[in-house]
């Protein structure tokens, strides 16, 4: 496994970190990196281009002259594409340029790009991005101590307000998180500087041989309802019998006493 020195923000060595050999020591595949870069750039295209067809340009739809007898070519509309200020034929229209690329190819390209940076000695690992201020000038001095004079890609894990404010206005400096790192980002920057936590996260997440622990499934059992006692079961039965006995008596009392029909 490759072992990389860990330095502080002053450029002094403070330790070492062991990285995954399958991530930072993999065989570089230039074709795979090229395909991943094309896929990323295609997804970044806006695709908002549009030319006007003959139905979009201004102009009357009236036929310019009669079909025959004038000696001129037949013409139906001034908005025809062969006329000046007419519509454009087969011009670009709004479309989506993105396409699907297998996830294994994207991750393999990222491993190749990271391995190429380490092989070219263009990878620097810092212990942390503990900046004292958010000023750009102070951060520029920090990058100079880390031997970063060209385009630099910064990788940080978690939120760091001072790092965001100090680096966002610097030309040639880009800050990304480990989970959104792309192979194209590594190609267009000369040096890669990442924190120790970010390097460890990349080693763990991009390792194809890692075994993810399976969490046990916990099933909550529903306890059975308690059995009703004899006294509680006898009370509803007694109430039901009392109600059924009271209904006929109430009906008899409510019926008025009338005279009998027939002769007296």
C-alpha atoms as a PDB file:
ATOM      1  CA  UNK A   1       0.000   0.000   0.000  1.00  0.00           C
ATOM      2  CA  UNK A   2       1.314   3.500  -0.776  1.00  0.00           C
ATOM      3  CA  UNK A   3       2.350   5.565   2.225  1.00  0.00           C
ATOM      4  CA  UNK A   4       2.124   9.362   1.869  1.00  0.00           C
ATOM      5  CA  UNK A   5       3.597  11.989   4.140  1.00  0.00           C
ATOM      6  CA  UNK A   6       1.174  14.222   6.008  1.00  0.00           C
ATOM      7  CA  UNK A   7       2.178  17.875   6.353  1.00  0.00           C
ATOM      8  CA  UNK A   8       0.688  20.806   8.200  1.00  0.00           C
ATOM      9  CA  UNK A   9      -0.309  24.122   6.644  1.00  0.00           C
ATOM     10  CA  UNK A  10       3.277  25.361   7.064  1.00  0.00           C
ATOM     11  CA  UNK A  11       4.622  22.552   4.871  1.00  0.00           C
ATOM     12  CA  UNK A  12       6.309  20.610   7.685  1.00  0.00           C
ATOM     13  CA  UNK A  13       5.934  16.842   7.962  1.00  0.00           C
ATOM     14  CA  UNK A  14       3.819  15.761  10.911  1.00  0.00           C
ATOM     15  CA  UNK A  15       3.074  12.118  10.090  1.00  0.00           C
ATOM     16  CA  UNK A  16       2.159   9.549   7.463  1.00  0.00           C
ATOM     17  CA  UNK A  17      -1.027   8.029   6.109  1.00  0.00           C
ATOM     18  CA  UNK A  18      -1.495   4.664   4.447  1.00  0.00           C
ATOM     19  CA  UNK A  19      -3.747   4.726   1.383  1.00  0.00           C
ATOM     20  CA  UNK A  20      -5.502   1.902  -0.435  1.00  0.00           C
ATOM     21  CA  UNK A  21      -3.371   0.303  -3.133  1.00  0.00           C
ATOM     22  CA  UNK A  22      -6.426  -0.326  -5.346  1.00  0.00           C
ATOM     23  CA  UNK A  23      -7.288   3.397  -5.315  1.00  0.00           C
ATOM     24  CA  UNK A  24      -4.001   5.302  -5.275  1.00  0.00           C
ATOM     25  CA  UNK A  25      -1.787   2.571  -6.731  1.00  0.00           C
ATOM     26  CA  UNK A  26      -3.977   1.242  -9.533  1.00  0.00           C
ATOM     27  CA  UNK A  27      -2.916   0.863 -13.148  1.00  0.00           C
ATOM     28  CA  UNK A  28      -3.593   4.056 -15.096  1.00  0.00           C
ATOM     29  CA  UNK A  29      -6.059   3.607 -17.962  1.00  0.00           C
ATOM     30  CA  UNK A  30      -5.890   6.720 -20.217  1.00  0.00           C
ATOM     31  CA  UNK A  31      -8.789   5.594 -22.401  1.00  0.00           C
ATOM     32  CA  UNK A  32     -11.050   5.200 -19.377  1.00  0.00           C
ATOM     33  CA  UNK A  33     -10.111   8.667 -18.089  1.00  0.00           C
ATOM     34  CA  UNK A  34     -10.836  10.120 -21.541  1.00  0.00           C
ATOM     35  CA  UNK A  35     -14.288   8.525 -21.695  1.00  0.00           C
ATOM     36  CA  UNK A  36     -15.160   9.760 -18.198  1.00  0.00           C
ATOM     37  CA  UNK A  37     -14.037  13.293 -19.117  1.00  0.00           C
ATOM     38  CA  UNK A  38     -16.186  13.305 -22.271  1.00  0.00           C
ATOM     39  CA  UNK A  39     -19.157  12.078 -20.269  1.00  0.00           C
ATOM     40  CA  UNK A  40     -18.686  14.788 -17.629  1.00  0.00           C
ATOM     41  CA  UNK A  41     -18.296  17.602 -20.183  1.00  0.00           C
ATOM     42  CA  UNK A  42     -21.328  16.403 -22.123  1.00  0.00           C
ATOM     43  CA  UNK A  43     -23.429  16.602 -18.984  1.00  0.00           C
ATOM     44  CA  UNK A  44     -22.200  20.152 -18.322  1.00  0.00           C
ATOM     45  CA  UNK A  45     -23.433  21.455 -21.681  1.00  0.00           C
ATOM     46  CA  UNK A  46     -26.494  23.671 -21.435  1.00  0.00           C
ATOM     47  CA  UNK A  47     -27.889  22.751 -24.842  1.00  0.00           C
ATOM     48  CA  UNK A  48     -29.860  26.016 -25.128  1.00  0.00           C
ATOM     49  CA  UNK A  49     -28.760  26.829 -28.693  1.00  0.00           C
ATOM     50  CA  UNK A  50     -31.565  27.431 -31.183  1.00  0.00           C
ATOM     51  CA  UNK A  51     -31.882  28.771 -34.731  1.00  0.00           C
ATOM     52  CA  UNK A  52     -35.092  30.128 -36.202  1.00  0.00           C
ATOM     53  CA  UNK A  53     -36.888  27.995 -38.753  1.00  0.00           C
ATOM     54  CA  UNK A  54     -39.190  29.499 -41.385  1.00  0.00           C
ATOM     55  CA  UNK A  55     -42.101  29.453 -38.958  1.00  0.00           C
ATOM     56  CA  UNK A  56     -40.143  31.584 -36.458  1.00  0.00           C
ATOM     57  CA  UNK A  57     -38.833  34.415 -38.671  1.00  0.00           C
ATOM     58  CA  UNK A  58     -40.921  37.493 -39.429  1.00  0.00           C
ATOM     59  CA  UNK A  59     -42.527  37.966 -42.828  1.00  0.00           C
ATOM     60  CA  UNK A  60     -45.782  37.546 -44.670  1.00  0.00           C
ATOM     61  CA  UNK A  61     -47.046  34.152 -45.761  1.00  0.00           C
ATOM     62  CA  UNK A  62     -48.529  35.504 -48.968  1.00  0.00           C
ATOM     63  CA  UNK A  63     -47.333  34.050 -52.273  1.00  0.00           C
ATOM     64  CA  UNK A  64     -44.993  36.596 -53.876  1.00  0.00           C
ATOM     65  CA  UNK A  65     -46.135  36.163 -57.493  1.00  0.00           C
ATOM     66  CA  UNK A  66     -48.209  33.763 -59.505  1.00  0.00           C
ATOM     67  CA  UNK A  67     -46.960  30.271 -60.112  1.00  0.00           C
ATOM     68  CA  UNK A  68     -46.531  30.529 -63.903  1.00  0.00           C
ATOM     69  CA  UNK A  69     -46.075  33.103 -66.620  1.00  0.00           C
ATOM     70  CA  UNK A  70     -43.593  35.479 -64.984  1.00  0.00           C
ATOM     71  CA  UNK A  71     -40.383  33.822 -66.145  1.00  0.00           C
ATOM     72  CA  UNK A  72     -39.100  33.705 -62.577  1.00  0.00           C
ATOM     73  CA  UNK A  73     -38.682  30.717 -60.314  1.00  0.00           C
ATOM     74  CA  UNK A  74     -41.754  29.636 -58.440  1.00  0.00           C
ATOM     75  CA  UNK A  75     -41.784  30.965 -54.881  1.00  0.00           C
ATOM     76  CA  UNK A  76     -44.351  30.522 -52.154  1.00  0.00           C
ATOM     77  CA  UNK A  77     -43.088  32.534 -49.152  1.00  0.00           C
ATOM     78  CA  UNK A  78     -40.608  35.271 -48.345  1.00  0.00           C
ATOM     79  CA  UNK A  79     -39.611  33.279 -45.240  1.00  0.00           C
ATOM     80  CA  UNK A  80     -38.081  30.496 -47.332  1.00  0.00           C
ATOM     81  CA  UNK A  81     -34.583  29.385 -46.344  1.00  0.00           C
ATOM     82  CA  UNK A  82     -33.074  30.352 -49.727  1.00  0.00           C
ATOM     83  CA  UNK A  83     -34.031  33.986 -49.211  1.00  0.00           C
ATOM     84  CA  UNK A  84     -32.107  36.539 -47.191  1.00  0.00           C
ATOM     85  CA  UNK A  85     -33.461  36.763 -43.611  1.00  0.00           C
ATOM     86  CA  UNK A  86     -35.297  33.505 -44.184  1.00  0.00           C
ATOM     87  CA  UNK A  87     -35.463  30.526 -41.857  1.00  0.00           C
ATOM     88  CA  UNK A  88     -32.526  28.202 -41.176  1.00  0.00           C
ATOM     89  CA  UNK A  89     -32.720  24.599 -42.291  1.00  0.00           C
ATOM     90  CA  UNK A  90     -31.347  21.800 -40.065  1.00  0.00           C
ATOM     91  CA  UNK A  91     -29.926  24.274 -37.541  1.00  0.00           C
ATOM     92  CA  UNK A  92     -29.196  23.409 -33.905  1.00  0.00           C
ATOM     93  CA  UNK A  93     -32.187  23.072 -31.607  1.00  0.00           C
ATOM     94  CA  UNK A  94     -32.396  22.770 -27.789  1.00  0.00           C
ATOM     95  CA  UNK A  95     -31.331  19.309 -26.686  1.00  0.00           C
ATOM     96  CA  UNK A  96     -29.805  17.378 -23.814  1.00  0.00           C
ATOM     97  CA  UNK A  97     -26.235  16.260 -24.449  1.00  0.00           C
ATOM     98  CA  UNK A  98     -25.889  14.070 -21.364  1.00  0.00           C
ATOM     99  CA  UNK A  99     -25.740  10.317 -21.701  1.00  0.00           C
ATOM    100  CA  UNK A 100     -25.382   7.361 -19.362  1.00  0.00           C
ATOM    101  CA  UNK A 101     -22.000   5.913 -18.470  1.00  0.00           C
ATOM    102  CA  UNK A 102     -21.604   2.778 -16.348  1.00  0.00           C
ATOM    103  CA  UNK A 103     -20.801   3.556 -12.735  1.00  0.00           C
ATOM    104  CA  UNK A 104     -17.859   1.136 -12.784  1.00  0.00           C
ATOM    105  CA  UNK A 105     -16.259   3.149 -15.598  1.00  0.00           C
ATOM    106  CA  UNK A 106     -16.684   6.437 -13.704  1.00  0.00           C
ATOM    107  CA  UNK A 107     -15.150   5.012 -10.525  1.00  0.00           C
ATOM    108  CA  UNK A 108     -12.371   3.277 -12.456  1.00  0.00           C
ATOM    109  CA  UNK A 109     -11.455   6.548 -14.177  1.00  0.00           C
ATOM    110  CA  UNK A 110     -11.318   8.305 -10.814  1.00  0.00           C
ATOM    111  CA  UNK A 111      -8.971   5.631  -9.448  1.00  0.00           C
ATOM    112  CA  UNK A 112      -6.729   5.996 -12.508  1.00  0.00           C
ATOM    113  CA  UNK A 113      -6.597   9.773 -12.137  1.00  0.00           C
ATOM    114  CA  UNK A 114      -5.760   9.577  -8.426  1.00  0.00           C
ATOM    115  CA  UNK A 115      -3.056   6.991  -9.087  1.00  0.00           C
ATOM    116  CA  UNK A 116      -1.556   9.187 -11.814  1.00  0.00           C
ATOM    117  CA  UNK A 117      -1.367  12.150  -9.415  1.00  0.00           C
ATOM    118  CA  UNK A 118       0.403  10.084  -6.790  1.00  0.00           C
ATOM    119  CA  UNK A 119       2.800   8.559  -9.322  1.00  0.00           C
ATOM    120  CA  UNK A 120       3.711  12.029 -10.600  1.00  0.00           C
ATOM    121  CA  UNK A 121       4.326  13.297  -7.022  1.00  0.00           C
ATOM    122  CA  UNK A 122       1.567  15.879  -7.403  1.00  0.00           C
ATOM    123  CA  UNK A 123      -0.476  14.774  -4.383  1.00  0.00           C
ATOM    124  CA  UNK A 124      -0.170  16.570  -1.042  1.00  0.00           C
ATOM    125  CA  UNK A 125      -1.969  15.457   2.120  1.00  0.00           C
ATOM    126  CA  UNK A 126      -2.442  17.995   4.924  1.00  0.00           C
ATOM    127  CA  UNK A 127      -3.471  17.122   8.444  1.00  0.00           C
ATOM    128  CA  UNK A 128      -6.445  19.509   8.401  1.00  0.00           C
ATOM    129  CA  UNK A 129      -7.734  22.738   6.859  1.00  0.00           C
ATOM    130  CA  UNK A 130      -7.736  24.635  10.164  1.00  0.00           C
ATOM    131  CA  UNK A 131      -7.447  28.185   8.835  1.00  0.00           C
ATOM    132  CA  UNK A 132      -7.275  31.049  11.295  1.00  0.00           C
ATOM    133  CA  UNK A 133      -8.847  33.585   8.932  1.00  0.00           C
ATOM    134  CA  UNK A 134     -10.896  33.738   5.775  1.00  0.00           C
ATOM    135  CA  UNK A 135      -8.619  36.267   4.066  1.00  0.00           C
ATOM    136  CA  UNK A 136      -7.477  35.352   0.563  1.00  0.00           C
ATOM    137  CA  UNK A 137      -3.989  36.837   1.007  1.00  0.00           C
ATOM    138  CA  UNK A 138      -3.224  34.675   4.025  1.00  0.00           C
ATOM    139  CA  UNK A 139      -4.470  31.589   2.215  1.00  0.00           C
ATOM    140  CA  UNK A 140      -2.281  32.406  -0.781  1.00  0.00           C
ATOM    141  CA  UNK A 141       0.750  32.349   1.497  1.00  0.00           C
ATOM    142  CA  UNK A 142      -0.391  28.984   2.845  1.00  0.00           C
ATOM    143  CA  UNK A 143      -0.591  27.522  -0.668  1.00  0.00           C
ATOM    144  CA  UNK A 144       2.881  28.858  -1.470  1.00  0.00           C
ATOM    145  CA  UNK A 145       4.231  26.996   1.554  1.00  0.00           C
ATOM    146  CA  UNK A 146       2.595  23.835   0.205  1.00  0.00           C
ATOM    147  CA  UNK A 147       4.414  24.325  -3.135  1.00  0.00           C
ATOM    148  CA  UNK A 148       1.232  25.134  -5.055  1.00  0.00           C
ATOM    149  CA  UNK A 149       2.022  27.639  -7.816  1.00  0.00           C
ATOM    150  CA  UNK A 150      -0.190  26.396 -10.654  1.00  0.00           C
ATOM    151  CA  UNK A 151      -3.801  25.228 -10.831  1.00  0.00           C
ATOM    152  CA  UNK A 152      -4.692  23.550  -7.559  1.00  0.00           C
ATOM    153  CA  UNK A 153      -7.554  21.257  -6.616  1.00  0.00           C
ATOM    154  CA  UNK A 154      -8.513  21.281  -2.935  1.00  0.00           C
ATOM    155  CA  UNK A 155     -10.438  18.383  -1.417  1.00  0.00           C
ATOM    156  CA  UNK A 156     -11.979  18.874   2.036  1.00  0.00           C
ATOM    157  CA  UNK A 157     -14.332  16.716   4.061  1.00  0.00           C
ATOM    158  CA  UNK A 158     -17.146  18.487   5.866  1.00  0.00           C
ATOM    159  CA  UNK A 159     -18.001  22.177   6.091  1.00  0.00           C
ATOM    160  CA  UNK A 160     -15.200  24.724   6.425  1.00  0.00           C
ATOM    161  CA  UNK A 161     -16.425  28.309   6.142  1.00  0.00           C
ATOM    162  CA  UNK A 162     -12.969  29.913   6.212  1.00  0.00           C
ATOM    163  CA  UNK A 163     -11.691  27.618   3.474  1.00  0.00           C
ATOM    164  CA  UNK A 164     -14.672  28.342   1.228  1.00  0.00           C
ATOM    165  CA  UNK A 165     -14.386  32.120   1.605  1.00  0.00           C
ATOM    166  CA  UNK A 166     -10.592  32.168   1.218  1.00  0.00           C
ATOM    167  CA  UNK A 167     -10.452  30.010  -1.929  1.00  0.00           C
ATOM    168  CA  UNK A 168     -13.540  30.965  -3.904  1.00  0.00           C
ATOM    169  CA  UNK A 169     -12.040  34.190  -5.337  1.00  0.00           C
ATOM    170  CA  UNK A 170      -8.656  32.720  -6.309  1.00  0.00           C
ATOM    171  CA  UNK A 171      -7.919  32.040  -9.964  1.00  0.00           C
ATOM    172  CA  UNK A 172      -6.921  28.457 -10.663  1.00  0.00           C
ATOM    173  CA  UNK A 173      -8.036  27.158  -7.243  1.00  0.00           C
ATOM    174  CA  UNK A 174     -11.066  24.858  -6.949  1.00  0.00           C
ATOM    175  CA  UNK A 175     -12.578  23.374  -3.804  1.00  0.00           C
ATOM    176  CA  UNK A 176     -14.597  20.152  -3.996  1.00  0.00           C
ATOM    177  CA  UNK A 177     -15.889  17.482  -1.641  1.00  0.00           C
ATOM    178  CA  UNK A 178     -14.771  13.833  -1.900  1.00  0.00           C
ATOM    179  CA  UNK A 179     -18.230  12.623  -2.927  1.00  0.00           C
ATOM    180  CA  UNK A 180     -18.374  14.941  -5.996  1.00  0.00           C
ATOM    181  CA  UNK A 181     -14.769  14.541  -7.149  1.00  0.00           C
ATOM    182  CA  UNK A 182     -14.471  13.783 -10.877  1.00  0.00           C
ATOM    183  CA  UNK A 183     -11.611  12.522 -13.033  1.00  0.00           C
ATOM    184  CA  UNK A 184     -11.915  15.654 -15.179  1.00  0.00           C
ATOM    185  CA  UNK A 185     -11.221  17.841 -12.117  1.00  0.00           C
ATOM    186  CA  UNK A 186      -7.962  15.989 -11.550  1.00  0.00           C
ATOM    187  CA  UNK A 187      -6.947  16.372 -15.197  1.00  0.00           C
ATOM    188  CA  UNK A 188      -7.462  20.115 -15.421  1.00  0.00           C
ATOM    189  CA  UNK A 189      -5.540  20.887 -12.207  1.00  0.00           C
ATOM    190  CA  UNK A 190      -1.814  20.474 -11.833  1.00  0.00           C
ATOM    191  CA  UNK A 191      -1.683  19.713  -8.087  1.00  0.00           C
ATOM    192  CA  UNK A 192      -4.038  17.922  -5.729  1.00  0.00           C
ATOM    193  CA  UNK A 193      -4.127  18.923  -2.056  1.00  0.00           C
ATOM    194  CA  UNK A 194      -6.511  17.052   0.190  1.00  0.00           C
ATOM    195  CA  UNK A 195      -6.942  16.699   3.900  1.00  0.00           C
ATOM    196  CA  UNK A 196      -6.097  13.498   5.730  1.00  0.00           C
ATOM    197  CA  UNK A 197      -9.777  12.773   6.408  1.00  0.00           C
ATOM    198  CA  UNK A 198     -10.658  13.289   2.732  1.00  0.00           C
ATOM    199  CA  UNK A 199      -7.844  10.968   1.572  1.00  0.00           C
ATOM    200  CA  UNK A 200      -9.012   8.294   3.999  1.00  0.00           C
ATOM    201  CA  UNK A 201     -12.602   8.684   2.828  1.00  0.00           C
ATOM    202  CA  UNK A 202     -11.532   8.310  -0.822  1.00  0.00           C
ATOM    203  CA  UNK A 203      -9.537   5.176   0.037  1.00  0.00           C
ATOM    204  CA  UNK A 204     -12.533   3.617   1.744  1.00  0.00           C
ATOM    205  CA  UNK A 205     -15.276   4.628  -0.668  1.00  0.00           C
ATOM    206  CA  UNK A 206     -13.400   3.859  -3.915  1.00  0.00           C
ATOM    207  CA  UNK A 207     -11.916   0.554  -2.812  1.00  0.00           C
ATOM    208  CA  UNK A 208     -13.541  -2.134  -5.022  1.00  0.00           C
ATOM    209  CA  UNK A 209     -12.599  -4.903  -2.566  1.00  0.00           C
ATOM    210  CA  UNK A 210     -14.195  -3.372   0.497  1.00  0.00           C
ATOM    211  CA  UNK A 211     -16.793  -5.401   2.355  1.00  0.00           C
ATOM    212  CA  UNK A 212     -19.659  -3.318   3.679  1.00  0.00           C
ATOM    213  CA  UNK A 213     -21.083  -4.596   6.975  1.00  0.00           C
ATOM    214  CA  UNK A 214     -24.662  -5.757   6.743  1.00  0.00           C
ATOM    215  CA  UNK A 215     -26.835  -4.354   9.514  1.00  0.00           C
ATOM    216  CA  UNK A 216     -29.034  -6.989  11.173  1.00  0.00           C
ATOM    217  CA  UNK A 217     -32.728  -6.698  10.538  1.00  0.00           C
ATOM    218  CA  UNK A 218     -34.643  -6.066  13.768  1.00  0.00           C
ATOM    219  CA  UNK A 219     -38.269  -7.207  13.732  1.00  0.00           C
ATOM    220  CA  UNK A 220     -40.483  -5.873  16.467  1.00  0.00           C
ATOM    221  CA  UNK A 221     -42.871  -8.583  17.726  1.00  0.00           C
ATOM    222  CA  UNK A 222     -46.406  -7.600  18.655  1.00  0.00           C
ATOM    223  CA  UNK A 223     -47.400  -8.900  22.097  1.00  0.00           C
ATOM    224  CA  UNK A 224     -50.777 -10.726  22.228  1.00  0.00           C
ATOM    225  CA  UNK A 225     -53.672  -8.975  23.906  1.00  0.00           C
ATOM    226  CA  UNK A 226     -54.290 -10.058  27.525  1.00  0.00           C
ATOM    227  CA  UNK A 227     -57.171 -12.473  28.097  1.00  0.00           C
ATOM    228  CA  UNK A 228     -60.327 -10.963  29.587  1.00  0.00           C
ATOM    229  CA  UNK A 229     -61.234 -12.041  33.139  1.00  0.00           C
ATOM    230  CA  UNK A 230     -64.491 -13.831  33.962  1.00  0.00           C
ATOM    231  CA  UNK A 231     -65.879 -10.874  35.920  1.00  0.00           C
ATOM    232  CA  UNK A 232     -65.184  -8.467  33.037  1.00  0.00           C
ATOM    233  CA  UNK A 233     -66.781 -10.873  30.554  1.00  0.00           C
ATOM    234  CA  UNK A 234     -69.905 -11.239  32.745  1.00  0.00           C
ATOM    235  CA  UNK A 235     -70.590  -7.481  32.948  1.00  0.00           C
ATOM    236  CA  UNK A 236     -71.381  -6.915  29.217  1.00  0.00           C
ATOM    237  CA  UNK A 237     -73.649  -9.982  29.230  1.00  0.00           C
ATOM    238  CA  UNK A 238     -75.571  -8.673  32.241  1.00  0.00           C
ATOM    239  CA  UNK A 239     -76.013  -5.245  30.681  1.00  0.00           C
ATOM    240  CA  UNK A 240     -77.281  -6.783  27.456  1.00  0.00           C
ATOM    241  CA  UNK A 241     -79.892  -8.874  29.312  1.00  0.00           C
ATOM    242  CA  UNK A 242     -81.082  -5.838  31.291  1.00  0.00           C
ATOM    243  CA  UNK A 243     -81.542  -3.780  28.106  1.00  0.00           C
ATOM    244  CA  UNK A 244     -83.513  -6.545  26.343  1.00  0.00           C
ATOM    245  CA  UNK A 245     -85.827  -6.910  29.379  1.00  0.00           C
ATOM    246  CA  UNK A 246     -86.456  -3.181  29.667  1.00  0.00           C
ATOM    247  CA  UNK A 247     -87.521  -2.681  26.021  1.00  0.00           C
ATOM    248  CA  UNK A 248     -90.854  -4.663  26.084  1.00  0.00           C
ATOM    249  CA  UNK A 249     -91.906  -3.073  29.386  1.00  0.00           C
ATOM    250  CA  UNK A 250     -91.332   0.405  27.999  1.00  0.00           C
ATOM    251  CA  UNK A 251     -93.397  -0.391  24.897  1.00  0.00           C
ATOM    252  CA  UNK A 252     -96.349  -1.628  26.986  1.00  0.00           C
ATOM    253  CA  UNK A 253     -96.301   1.449  29.184  1.00  0.00           C
ATOM    254  CA  UNK A 254     -96.198   3.810  26.224  1.00  0.00           C
ATOM    255  CA  UNK A 255     -99.247   2.250  24.483  1.00  0.00           C
ATOM    256  CA  UNK A 256    -102.475   4.257  25.316  1.00  0.00           C
ATOM    257  CA  UNK A 257    -105.572   2.478  26.556  1.00  0.00           C
ATOM    258  CA  UNK A 258    -108.278   2.679  23.841  1.00  0.00           C
ATOM    259  CA  UNK A 259    -111.865   1.489  23.531  1.00  0.00           C
ATOM    260  CA  UNK A 260    -112.593  -1.946  22.117  1.00  0.00           C
ATOM    261  CA  UNK A 261    -114.092  -2.006  18.673  1.00  0.00           C
ATOM    262  CA  UNK A 262    -117.466  -3.648  18.092  1.00  0.00           C
ATOM    263  CA  UNK A 263    -120.937  -3.524  19.666  1.00  0.00           C
ATOM    264  CA  UNK A 264    -121.301  -2.764  23.323  1.00  0.00           C
END
